[in-house]
Amino acid sequence: KGYETAITIMKQLPEDVVLLIAGGLPDASYNLYLAELKAMISSLGLQDRVKITGYLDNDKILSVLSASDVILLPYVFLTATSSYAFSYAIAAKRPIVTSNVPFFIEIEQKYSAIKTFENTDPQALVRRISEALDCHGQEAPGATEYRKIWSWKNVAEKKYKIYSDVLFKKMH
């Protein structure tokens, strides 16, 4: 997920900034990764500034995200063309900072709904988080448009139209 970079830059951010790693593990194969993150947090003396919640149900995750000053999605890799975590983040109406994987770069360039950082550059992450903190919880200007265009209702209507057009052509 890329949390290592976020953890390592914590001492460069103001003392009142806390990194909350919200959510649980998809399966037991991630237990080693979680143990490594906890060891890293401890070795850097960040136990008071980096917290891991564990599993949160849908209501709790949205509540936590909505109360955040900045939402960070520091993926190292994202091969999919969507992100379930991003869906929750955009719904929370908060500033979002993401790594520069293609899915997020497209959203930043087309909608200005998020801010990306080069995921191999910790200082770029520090800059982006600092910029987002300066927004005082206000989401990026294009986030509202992105939410509207990509709402479940609009996506369903687009798919319905595509399917209807294909079926209509087959019938005629």
C-alpha atoms as a PDB file:
ATOM      1  CA  LYS A   1       0.000   0.000   0.000  1.00  0.00           C
ATOM      2  CA  GLY A   2       2.930   2.383   0.359  1.00  0.00           C
ATOM      3  CA  TYR A   3       2.485   3.308   3.997  1.00  0.00           C
ATOM      4  CA  GLU A   4       6.244   3.114   4.580  1.00  0.00           C
ATOM      5  CA  THR A   5       6.874   6.419   2.804  1.00  0.00           C
ATOM      6  CA  ALA A   6       4.092   8.115   4.751  1.00  0.00           C
ATOM      7  CA  ILE A   7       5.492   6.822   8.043  1.00  0.00           C
ATOM      8  CA  THR A   8       9.050   7.914   7.273  1.00  0.00           C
ATOM      9  CA  ILE A   9       8.059  11.523   6.518  1.00  0.00           C
ATOM     10  CA  MET A  10       5.995  12.023   9.681  1.00  0.00           C
ATOM     11  CA  LYS A  11       8.828  13.765  11.556  1.00  0.00           C
ATOM     12  CA  GLN A  12       8.958  16.386   8.766  1.00  0.00           C
ATOM     13  CA  LEU A  13       5.333  17.337   9.323  1.00  0.00           C
ATOM     14  CA  PRO A  14       3.984  19.472  12.180  1.00  0.00           C
ATOM     15  CA  GLU A  15       3.825  17.707  15.564  1.00  0.00           C
ATOM     16  CA  ASP A  16       0.025  17.801  15.608  1.00  0.00           C
ATOM     17  CA  VAL A  17      -0.229  15.756  12.387  1.00  0.00           C
ATOM     18  CA  VAL A  18      -1.254  12.154  13.035  1.00  0.00           C
ATOM     19  CA  LEU A  19      -1.216   9.450  10.389  1.00  0.00           C
ATOM     20  CA  LEU A  20      -4.236   7.202  10.814  1.00  0.00           C
ATOM     21  CA  ILE A  21      -4.019   3.993   8.814  1.00  0.00           C
ATOM     22  CA  ALA A  22      -7.709   3.192   8.616  1.00  0.00           C
ATOM     23  CA  GLY A  23      -9.031  -0.218   7.728  1.00  0.00           C
ATOM     24  CA  GLY A  24      -8.226  -3.840   8.109  1.00  0.00           C
ATOM     25  CA  LEU A  25      -6.242  -6.496   6.350  1.00  0.00           C
ATOM     26  CA  PRO A  26      -7.824  -8.165   3.324  1.00  0.00           C
ATOM     27  CA  ASP A  27      -6.569 -11.557   4.526  1.00  0.00           C
ATOM     28  CA  ALA A  28      -4.050 -13.217   6.840  1.00  0.00           C
ATOM     29  CA  SER A  29      -1.295 -13.062   4.219  1.00  0.00           C
ATOM     30  CA  TYR A  30      -0.858  -9.369   5.147  1.00  0.00           C
ATOM     31  CA  ASN A  31      -0.057 -10.108   8.811  1.00  0.00           C
ATOM     32  CA  LEU A  32       3.688  -9.929   8.145  1.00  0.00           C
ATOM     33  CA  TYR A  33       3.279  -6.544   6.425  1.00  0.00           C
ATOM     34  CA  LEU A  34       1.287  -5.241   9.390  1.00  0.00           C
ATOM     35  CA  ALA A  35       3.961  -6.482  11.810  1.00  0.00           C
ATOM     36  CA  GLU A  36       6.643  -4.749   9.724  1.00  0.00           C
ATOM     37  CA  LEU A  37       4.689  -1.479   9.762  1.00  0.00           C
ATOM     38  CA  LYS A  38       4.242  -1.667  13.533  1.00  0.00           C
ATOM     39  CA  ALA A  39       7.965  -2.366  13.996  1.00  0.00           C
ATOM     40  CA  MET A  40       8.826   0.593  11.758  1.00  0.00           C
ATOM     41  CA  ILE A  41       6.488   2.890  13.695  1.00  0.00           C
ATOM     42  CA  SER A  42       8.064   1.779  16.974  1.00  0.00           C
ATOM     43  CA  SER A  43      11.665   2.061  15.733  1.00  0.00           C
ATOM     44  CA  LEU A  44      11.025   5.649  14.628  1.00  0.00           C
ATOM     45  CA  GLY A  45       9.360   6.518  17.950  1.00  0.00           C
ATOM     46  CA  LEU A  46       6.089   7.409  16.222  1.00  0.00           C
ATOM     47  CA  GLN A  47       3.647   5.406  18.347  1.00  0.00           C
ATOM     48  CA  ASP A  48       1.816   8.613  19.326  1.00  0.00           C
ATOM     49  CA  ARG A  49       1.676   9.961  15.750  1.00  0.00           C
ATOM     50  CA  VAL A  50       0.879   6.865  13.671  1.00  0.00           C
ATOM     51  CA  LYS A  51      -2.185   4.810  14.544  1.00  0.00           C
ATOM     52  CA  ILE A  52      -3.635   1.714  12.864  1.00  0.00           C
ATOM     53  CA  THR A  53      -7.372   1.224  13.367  1.00  0.00           C
ATOM     54  CA  GLY A  54      -7.894  -2.297  12.102  1.00  0.00           C
ATOM     55  CA  TYR A  55     -11.123  -3.227  10.341  1.00  0.00           C
ATOM     56  CA  LEU A  56     -13.818  -0.529  10.145  1.00  0.00           C
ATOM     57  CA  ASP A  57     -17.324  -1.105   8.785  1.00  0.00           C
ATOM     58  CA  ASN A  58     -18.685   1.119   6.001  1.00  0.00           C
ATOM     59  CA  ASP A  59     -20.248   3.705   8.329  1.00  0.00           C
ATOM     60  CA  LYS A  60     -17.162   3.998  10.511  1.00  0.00           C
ATOM     61  CA  ILE A  61     -14.736   4.300   7.605  1.00  0.00           C
ATOM     62  CA  LEU A  62     -16.724   7.121   6.028  1.00  0.00           C
ATOM     63  CA  SER A  63     -17.017   8.821   9.412  1.00  0.00           C
ATOM     64  CA  VAL A  64     -13.243   8.590   9.995  1.00  0.00           C
ATOM     65  CA  LEU A  65     -12.435   9.832   6.504  1.00  0.00           C
ATOM     66  CA  SER A  66     -14.902  12.723   6.768  1.00  0.00           C
ATOM     67  CA  ALA A  67     -13.249  13.845  10.001  1.00  0.00           C
ATOM     68  CA  SER A  68      -9.754  13.803   8.472  1.00  0.00           C
ATOM     69  CA  ASP A  69      -7.904  16.938   7.394  1.00  0.00           C
ATOM     70  CA  VAL A  70      -6.304  15.085   4.466  1.00  0.00           C
ATOM     71  CA  ILE A  71      -6.886  11.647   3.000  1.00  0.00           C
ATOM     72  CA  LEU A  72      -3.740   9.908   1.784  1.00  0.00           C
ATOM     73  CA  LEU A  73      -3.671   6.994  -0.669  1.00  0.00           C
ATOM     74  CA  PRO A  74       0.064   6.285  -1.024  1.00  0.00           C
ATOM     75  CA  TYR A  75      -0.149   3.243  -3.302  1.00  0.00           C
ATOM     76  CA  VAL A  76       3.112   1.964  -4.685  1.00  0.00           C
ATOM     77  CA  PHE A  77       1.258  -0.081  -7.313  1.00  0.00           C
ATOM     78  CA  LEU A  78      -2.313   0.097  -8.530  1.00  0.00           C
ATOM     79  CA  THR A  79      -2.885  -1.958 -11.624  1.00  0.00           C
ATOM     80  CA  ALA A  80      -6.656  -1.697 -11.504  1.00  0.00           C
ATOM     81  CA  THR A  81      -8.635   1.073 -13.152  1.00  0.00           C
ATOM     82  CA  SER A  82     -10.398   1.895  -9.912  1.00  0.00           C
ATOM     83  CA  SER A  83      -9.864   1.884  -6.173  1.00  0.00           C
ATOM     84  CA  TYR A  84     -12.470   1.016  -3.557  1.00  0.00           C
ATOM     85  CA  ALA A  85     -10.572   3.128  -1.014  1.00  0.00           C
ATOM     86  CA  PHE A  86     -10.637   6.062  -3.446  1.00  0.00           C
ATOM     87  CA  SER A  87     -14.417   5.742  -3.766  1.00  0.00           C
ATOM     88  CA  TYR A  88     -14.711   6.246  -0.013  1.00  0.00           C
ATOM     89  CA  ALA A  89     -12.152   9.055  -0.049  1.00  0.00           C
ATOM     90  CA  ILE A  90     -13.938  11.061  -2.739  1.00  0.00           C
ATOM     91  CA  ALA A  91     -17.249  10.558  -0.921  1.00  0.00           C
ATOM     92  CA  ALA A  92     -15.734  12.038   2.255  1.00  0.00           C
ATOM     93  CA  LYS A  93     -15.326  15.475   0.605  1.00  0.00           C
ATOM     94  CA  ARG A  94     -11.847  16.108   1.998  1.00  0.00           C
ATOM     95  CA  PRO A  95      -8.509  16.960   0.309  1.00  0.00           C
ATOM     96  CA  ILE A  96      -7.023  13.806  -1.221  1.00  0.00           C
ATOM     97  CA  VAL A  97      -3.334  13.174  -1.831  1.00  0.00           C
ATOM     98  CA  THR A  98      -2.461  10.089  -3.867  1.00  0.00           C
ATOM     99  CA  SER A  99       0.594   8.515  -5.384  1.00  0.00           C
ATOM    100  CA  ASN A 100       1.191   9.031  -9.063  1.00  0.00           C
ATOM    101  CA  VAL A 101      -0.192   5.758 -10.387  1.00  0.00           C
ATOM    102  CA  PRO A 102      -1.938   6.104 -13.783  1.00  0.00           C
ATOM    103  CA  PHE A 103      -5.498   5.881 -12.405  1.00  0.00           C
ATOM    104  CA  PHE A 104      -4.910   8.841 -10.074  1.00  0.00           C
ATOM    105  CA  ILE A 105      -2.867  10.895 -12.562  1.00  0.00           C
ATOM    106  CA  GLU A 106      -5.814  10.786 -14.973  1.00  0.00           C
ATOM    107  CA  ILE A 107      -8.198  12.037 -12.275  1.00  0.00           C
ATOM    108  CA  GLU A 108      -5.820  14.840 -11.316  1.00  0.00           C
ATOM    109  CA  GLN A 109      -5.261  15.941 -14.922  1.00  0.00           C
ATOM    110  CA  LYS A 110      -8.847  15.634 -16.136  1.00  0.00           C
ATOM    111  CA  TYR A 111     -10.780  16.849 -13.081  1.00  0.00           C
ATOM    112  CA  SER A 112      -8.354  18.551 -10.658  1.00  0.00           C
ATOM    113  CA  ALA A 113     -10.120  16.508  -7.983  1.00  0.00           C
ATOM    114  CA  ILE A 114      -6.981  15.296  -6.195  1.00  0.00           C
ATOM    115  CA  LYS A 115      -3.259  16.006  -5.886  1.00  0.00           C
ATOM    116  CA  THR A 116      -0.696  13.359  -6.767  1.00  0.00           C
ATOM    117  CA  PHE A 117       2.929  12.958  -5.710  1.00  0.00           C
ATOM    118  CA  GLU A 118       5.819  10.995  -7.190  1.00  0.00           C
ATOM    119  CA  ASN A 119       5.679   7.824  -5.085  1.00  0.00           C
ATOM    120  CA  THR A 120       9.470   7.470  -5.085  1.00  0.00           C
ATOM    121  CA  ASP A 121       9.997  11.012  -3.743  1.00  0.00           C
ATOM    122  CA  PRO A 122       9.289  11.397  -0.009  1.00  0.00           C
ATOM    123  CA  GLN A 123       9.821  15.181  -0.200  1.00  0.00           C
ATOM    124  CA  ALA A 124       7.079  15.423  -2.847  1.00  0.00           C
ATOM    125  CA  LEU A 125       4.761  13.739  -0.355  1.00  0.00           C
ATOM    126  CA  VAL A 126       5.736  16.208   2.375  1.00  0.00           C
ATOM    127  CA  ARG A 127       4.989  19.107  -0.003  1.00  0.00           C
ATOM    128  CA  ARG A 128       1.617  17.698  -1.091  1.00  0.00           C
ATOM    129  CA  ILE A 129       0.486  16.977   2.467  1.00  0.00           C
ATOM    130  CA  SER A 130       1.559  20.466   3.558  1.00  0.00           C
ATOM    131  CA  GLU A 131      -0.388  22.006   0.648  1.00  0.00           C
ATOM    132  CA  ALA A 132      -3.446  19.918   1.536  1.00  0.00           C
ATOM    133  CA  LEU A 133      -3.218  20.927   5.201  1.00  0.00           C
ATOM    134  CA  ASP A 134      -3.172  24.569   4.074  1.00  0.00           C
ATOM    135  CA  CYS A 135      -6.600  23.948   2.455  1.00  0.00           C
ATOM    136  CA  HIS A 136      -8.113  23.510   5.949  1.00  0.00           C
ATOM    137  CA  GLY A 137     -10.191  20.493   4.975  1.00  0.00           C
ATOM    138  CA  GLN A 138     -11.517  21.950   1.705  1.00  0.00           C
ATOM    139  CA  GLU A 139     -11.487  19.391  -1.075  1.00  0.00           C
ATOM    140  CA  ALA A 140      -9.940  20.141  -4.468  1.00  0.00           C
ATOM    141  CA  PRO A 141     -12.080  22.263  -6.798  1.00  0.00           C
ATOM    142  CA  GLY A 142     -12.831  19.480  -9.290  1.00  0.00           C
ATOM    143  CA  ALA A 143     -13.939  16.909  -6.714  1.00  0.00           C
ATOM    144  CA  THR A 144     -17.599  17.901  -6.884  1.00  0.00           C
ATOM    145  CA  GLU A 145     -17.639  17.540 -10.672  1.00  0.00           C
ATOM    146  CA  TYR A 146     -15.829  14.194 -10.452  1.00  0.00           C
ATOM    147  CA  ARG A 147     -18.364  12.890  -7.899  1.00  0.00           C
ATOM    148  CA  LYS A 148     -21.258  14.011 -10.077  1.00  0.00           C
ATOM    149  CA  ILE A 149     -19.922  12.499 -13.306  1.00  0.00           C
ATOM    150  CA  TRP A 150     -18.850   9.217 -11.701  1.00  0.00           C
ATOM    151  CA  SER A 151     -21.753   8.727  -9.296  1.00  0.00           C
ATOM    152  CA  TRP A 152     -23.237   5.217  -9.240  1.00  0.00           C
ATOM    153  CA  LYS A 153     -26.402   6.610 -10.824  1.00  0.00           C
ATOM    154  CA  ASN A 154     -24.567   8.237 -13.740  1.00  0.00           C
ATOM    155  CA  VAL A 155     -22.336   5.228 -14.332  1.00  0.00           C
ATOM    156  CA  ALA A 156     -25.384   2.934 -14.323  1.00  0.00           C
ATOM    157  CA  GLU A 157     -27.183   5.219 -16.787  1.00  0.00           C
ATOM    158  CA  LYS A 158     -24.151   5.233 -19.112  1.00  0.00           C
ATOM    159  CA  LYS A 159     -23.918   1.437 -19.010  1.00  0.00           C
ATOM    160  CA  TYR A 160     -27.641   1.081 -19.563  1.00  0.00           C
ATOM    161  CA  LYS A 161     -27.423   3.317 -22.635  1.00  0.00           C
ATOM    162  CA  ILE A 162     -24.506   1.331 -24.057  1.00  0.00           C
ATOM    163  CA  TYR A 163     -26.286  -1.969 -23.533  1.00  0.00           C
ATOM    164  CA  SER A 164     -29.553  -0.594 -24.914  1.00  0.00           C
ATOM    165  CA  ASP A 165     -27.810   0.752 -28.017  1.00  0.00           C
ATOM    166  CA  VAL A 166     -26.079  -2.593 -28.647  1.00  0.00           C
ATOM    167  CA  LEU A 167     -29.288  -4.563 -28.180  1.00  0.00           C
ATOM    168  CA  PHE A 168     -31.241  -2.137 -30.355  1.00  0.00           C
ATOM    169  CA  LYS A 169     -28.688  -2.504 -33.173  1.00  0.00           C
ATOM    170  CA  LYS A 170     -28.829  -6.320 -32.904  1.00  0.00           C
ATOM    171  CA  MET A 171     -32.610  -6.247 -33.181  1.00  0.00           C
ATOM    172  CA  HIS A 172     -32.564  -4.116 -36.336  1.00  0.00           C
END
